[in-house]
N, C-alpha and C. Protein backbone atom coordinates (compact mmCIF):
# COMPACT_ATOMS: atom_id res chain seq x y z
N MET A 1 -13.64 -17.50 -12.97
CA MET A 1 -12.81 -17.71 -11.80
C MET A 1 -12.89 -16.47 -10.90
N ALA A 2 -13.18 -16.68 -9.65
CA ALA A 2 -13.26 -15.59 -8.69
C ALA A 2 -11.88 -15.32 -8.10
N LEU A 3 -11.53 -14.05 -8.01
CA LEU A 3 -10.27 -13.66 -7.38
C LEU A 3 -10.55 -13.19 -5.96
N GLU A 4 -9.67 -13.56 -5.06
CA GLU A 4 -9.83 -13.18 -3.67
C GLU A 4 -8.60 -12.42 -3.19
N THR A 5 -8.77 -11.56 -2.21
CA THR A 5 -7.67 -10.84 -1.60
C THR A 5 -7.11 -11.69 -0.46
N VAL A 6 -5.79 -11.79 -0.40
CA VAL A 6 -5.16 -12.52 0.68
C VAL A 6 -4.61 -11.54 1.70
N ASN A 7 -4.46 -12.00 2.91
CA ASN A 7 -3.90 -11.17 3.98
C ASN A 7 -2.39 -11.26 3.96
N SER A 8 -1.76 -10.49 3.11
CA SER A 8 -0.31 -10.47 3.04
C SER A 8 0.21 -9.16 3.62
N CYS A 9 1.51 -9.10 3.80
CA CYS A 9 2.10 -7.89 4.37
C CYS A 9 1.89 -6.66 3.47
N THR A 10 1.66 -6.88 2.19
CA THR A 10 1.48 -5.74 1.28
C THR A 10 0.18 -5.00 1.52
N ASN A 11 -0.82 -5.63 2.13
CA ASN A 11 -2.07 -4.93 2.42
C ASN A 11 -2.31 -4.83 3.93
N CYS A 12 -1.23 -4.69 4.67
CA CYS A 12 -1.30 -4.61 6.13
C CYS A 12 -0.96 -3.19 6.60
N ASN A 13 -1.71 -2.70 7.55
CA ASN A 13 -1.45 -1.37 8.11
C ASN A 13 -0.12 -1.30 8.84
N ASN A 14 0.46 -2.45 9.20
CA ASN A 14 1.72 -2.47 9.92
C ASN A 14 2.93 -2.32 9.02
N LEU A 15 2.74 -2.33 7.70
CA LEU A 15 3.85 -2.22 6.76
C LEU A 15 4.30 -0.77 6.65
N GLU A 16 5.59 -0.55 6.84
CA GLU A 16 6.17 0.78 6.72
C GLU A 16 6.78 0.95 5.33
N LYS A 17 7.16 2.16 4.98
CA LYS A 17 7.66 2.49 3.65
C LYS A 17 8.86 1.66 3.22
N ASN A 18 9.68 1.24 4.14
CA ASN A 18 10.90 0.49 3.82
C ASN A 18 10.69 -1.02 3.92
N PHE A 19 9.43 -1.48 3.83
CA PHE A 19 9.05 -2.89 3.95
C PHE A 19 9.34 -3.46 5.33
N ASN A 20 9.43 -2.60 6.32
CA ASN A 20 9.62 -3.04 7.69
C ASN A 20 8.26 -3.21 8.35
N CYS A 21 8.10 -4.30 9.10
CA CYS A 21 6.88 -4.50 9.87
C CYS A 21 7.00 -3.73 11.17
N SER A 22 6.08 -2.82 11.42
CA SER A 22 6.15 -1.99 12.62
C SER A 22 5.81 -2.77 13.89
N VAL A 23 5.18 -3.93 13.77
CA VAL A 23 4.85 -4.75 14.93
C VAL A 23 6.01 -5.64 15.34
N HIS A 24 6.64 -6.29 14.35
CA HIS A 24 7.70 -7.25 14.64
C HIS A 24 9.10 -6.71 14.40
N ASN A 25 9.19 -5.51 13.82
CA ASN A 25 10.46 -4.86 13.53
C ASN A 25 11.38 -5.76 12.69
N VAL A 26 10.81 -6.31 11.62
CA VAL A 26 11.56 -7.12 10.66
C VAL A 26 11.20 -6.67 9.25
N VAL A 27 12.13 -6.83 8.33
CA VAL A 27 11.85 -6.54 6.93
C VAL A 27 11.07 -7.72 6.37
N VAL A 28 9.96 -7.41 5.68
CA VAL A 28 9.09 -8.46 5.14
C VAL A 28 9.18 -8.51 3.63
N ASP A 29 8.64 -9.57 3.07
CA ASP A 29 8.62 -9.81 1.64
C ASP A 29 7.18 -9.68 1.14
N LEU A 30 7.01 -9.59 -0.15
CA LEU A 30 5.67 -9.47 -0.74
C LEU A 30 4.76 -10.63 -0.38
N ASN A 31 5.31 -11.80 -0.16
CA ASN A 31 4.50 -12.99 0.11
C ASN A 31 4.31 -13.29 1.59
N ASN A 32 4.86 -12.50 2.47
CA ASN A 32 4.75 -12.77 3.91
C ASN A 32 3.38 -12.39 4.46
N THR A 33 2.99 -13.10 5.50
CA THR A 33 1.81 -12.77 6.28
C THR A 33 2.02 -13.32 7.68
N CYS A 34 1.23 -12.87 8.63
CA CYS A 34 1.37 -13.37 10.00
C CYS A 34 0.06 -13.22 10.75
N GLU A 35 0.02 -13.70 11.99
CA GLU A 35 -1.20 -13.64 12.79
C GLU A 35 -1.53 -12.23 13.26
N SER A 36 -0.57 -11.31 13.20
CA SER A 36 -0.81 -9.92 13.62
C SER A 36 -1.26 -9.04 12.46
N HIS A 37 -1.65 -9.67 11.35
CA HIS A 37 -2.06 -8.91 10.16
C HIS A 37 -3.20 -7.97 10.50
N ASN A 38 -3.10 -6.75 10.03
CA ASN A 38 -4.12 -5.72 10.24
C ASN A 38 -4.47 -5.17 8.86
N LEU A 39 -5.53 -5.67 8.25
CA LEU A 39 -5.89 -5.36 6.88
C LEU A 39 -6.04 -3.87 6.62
N LYS A 40 -5.38 -3.41 5.59
CA LYS A 40 -5.51 -2.03 5.13
C LYS A 40 -6.63 -2.04 4.09
N VAL A 41 -7.85 -1.86 4.55
CA VAL A 41 -9.02 -2.04 3.69
C VAL A 41 -9.15 -0.98 2.60
N SER A 42 -8.41 0.09 2.70
CA SER A 42 -8.56 1.16 1.72
C SER A 42 -7.93 0.82 0.37
N ILE A 43 -6.99 -0.15 0.31
CA ILE A 43 -6.37 -0.51 -0.96
C ILE A 43 -7.27 -1.49 -1.70
N THR A 44 -7.60 -1.17 -2.95
CA THR A 44 -8.41 -2.03 -3.79
C THR A 44 -7.76 -2.15 -5.16
N LYS A 45 -8.37 -2.93 -6.04
CA LYS A 45 -7.84 -3.07 -7.39
C LYS A 45 -7.91 -1.77 -8.17
N SER A 46 -8.70 -0.81 -7.72
CA SER A 46 -8.78 0.47 -8.41
C SER A 46 -7.89 1.54 -7.79
N SER A 47 -7.12 1.19 -6.77
CA SER A 47 -6.20 2.15 -6.14
C SER A 47 -5.03 2.45 -7.09
N SER A 48 -4.65 3.70 -7.18
CA SER A 48 -3.53 4.11 -8.02
C SER A 48 -3.11 5.51 -7.61
N CYS A 49 -2.04 6.01 -8.23
CA CYS A 49 -1.59 7.37 -7.93
C CYS A 49 -2.70 8.40 -8.18
N SER A 50 -3.54 8.13 -9.17
CA SER A 50 -4.56 9.12 -9.53
C SER A 50 -5.58 9.35 -8.43
N ASN A 51 -5.76 8.39 -7.50
CA ASN A 51 -6.69 8.62 -6.39
C ASN A 51 -6.01 8.52 -5.03
N CYS A 52 -4.71 8.82 -5.02
CA CYS A 52 -3.94 8.83 -3.78
C CYS A 52 -3.84 10.26 -3.24
N SER A 53 -4.01 10.41 -1.95
CA SER A 53 -3.95 11.75 -1.36
C SER A 53 -2.56 12.37 -1.45
N ASN A 54 -1.52 11.55 -1.71
CA ASN A 54 -0.15 12.06 -1.82
C ASN A 54 0.24 12.47 -3.23
N HIS A 55 -0.57 12.09 -4.23
CA HIS A 55 -0.21 12.32 -5.64
C HIS A 55 -0.08 13.82 -5.93
N ASN A 56 1.03 14.18 -6.56
CA ASN A 56 1.34 15.58 -6.94
C ASN A 56 1.43 16.51 -5.73
N THR A 57 1.86 15.97 -4.59
CA THR A 57 2.08 16.79 -3.40
C THR A 57 3.49 16.57 -2.90
N SER A 58 3.93 17.38 -1.98
CA SER A 58 5.28 17.22 -1.41
C SER A 58 5.38 15.97 -0.55
N SER A 59 4.26 15.36 -0.15
CA SER A 59 4.31 14.15 0.66
C SER A 59 4.44 12.87 -0.17
N CYS A 60 4.45 12.99 -1.50
CA CYS A 60 4.62 11.81 -2.36
C CYS A 60 6.06 11.31 -2.23
N SER A 61 6.20 10.03 -1.89
CA SER A 61 7.53 9.45 -1.68
C SER A 61 8.31 9.24 -2.96
N HIS A 62 7.61 9.10 -4.08
CA HIS A 62 8.27 8.79 -5.36
C HIS A 62 7.70 9.67 -6.48
N PRO A 63 7.88 10.97 -6.39
CA PRO A 63 7.25 11.87 -7.37
C PRO A 63 7.71 11.64 -8.81
N LYS A 64 8.93 11.19 -9.02
CA LYS A 64 9.42 10.99 -10.39
C LYS A 64 8.83 9.73 -11.02
N GLN A 65 8.45 8.75 -10.20
CA GLN A 65 7.87 7.52 -10.72
C GLN A 65 6.35 7.54 -10.76
N ALA A 66 5.74 8.43 -10.00
CA ALA A 66 4.29 8.45 -9.87
C ALA A 66 3.61 8.71 -11.21
N SER A 67 2.57 7.93 -11.48
CA SER A 67 1.74 8.14 -12.67
C SER A 67 0.33 7.68 -12.35
N ASN A 68 -0.60 8.03 -13.18
CA ASN A 68 -2.01 7.75 -12.89
C ASN A 68 -2.31 6.28 -12.61
N ASP A 69 -1.65 5.36 -13.29
CA ASP A 69 -1.97 3.94 -13.15
C ASP A 69 -1.07 3.19 -12.17
N LEU A 70 -0.16 3.87 -11.52
CA LEU A 70 0.79 3.22 -10.62
C LEU A 70 0.23 3.13 -9.21
N LEU A 71 0.61 2.10 -8.49
CA LEU A 71 0.26 1.96 -7.08
C LEU A 71 1.53 1.63 -6.30
N CYS A 72 1.75 2.31 -5.18
CA CYS A 72 2.92 2.02 -4.35
C CYS A 72 2.46 1.77 -2.92
N PHE A 73 3.40 1.44 -2.07
CA PHE A 73 3.05 1.07 -0.70
C PHE A 73 2.77 2.28 0.19
N ASP A 74 2.88 3.48 -0.34
CA ASP A 74 2.57 4.68 0.43
C ASP A 74 1.18 5.21 0.07
N TRP A 75 0.42 4.42 -0.68
CA TRP A 75 -0.89 4.87 -1.12
C TRP A 75 -1.77 5.20 0.07
N SER A 76 -2.46 6.30 -0.01
CA SER A 76 -3.37 6.74 1.03
C SER A 76 -4.63 7.27 0.38
N LYS A 77 -5.77 6.86 0.88
CA LYS A 77 -7.05 7.21 0.27
C LYS A 77 -7.20 8.71 0.10
N GLY A 78 -7.51 9.09 -1.13
CA GLY A 78 -7.73 10.49 -1.44
C GLY A 78 -8.99 10.65 -2.26
N GLY A 79 -9.14 11.77 -2.90
CA GLY A 79 -10.30 12.01 -3.77
C GLY A 79 -10.19 11.24 -5.05
N GLU A 80 -11.28 10.99 -5.70
CA GLU A 80 -11.28 10.30 -6.99
C GLU A 80 -10.77 11.22 -8.06
N ALA A 81 -9.99 10.68 -9.00
CA ALA A 81 -9.43 11.46 -10.09
C ALA A 81 -10.45 11.68 -11.18
């Protein structure tokens, strides 16, 4: 079975840290999507804290929860772990 990525708000560049859509100024859910979707292509199935540019830095939004295998909505492409 092939798995495909869907265009949901969770992989959209318009999603802000508080689950607010910066385009429509509404709080979105994990299953929401819309015509203004702007794919955040940097997130993949291998994205995690271990390869996030915020990991172990003062810019990490959730330093107490961060771990090598975790992924959050503040993930930003960094170096490989």
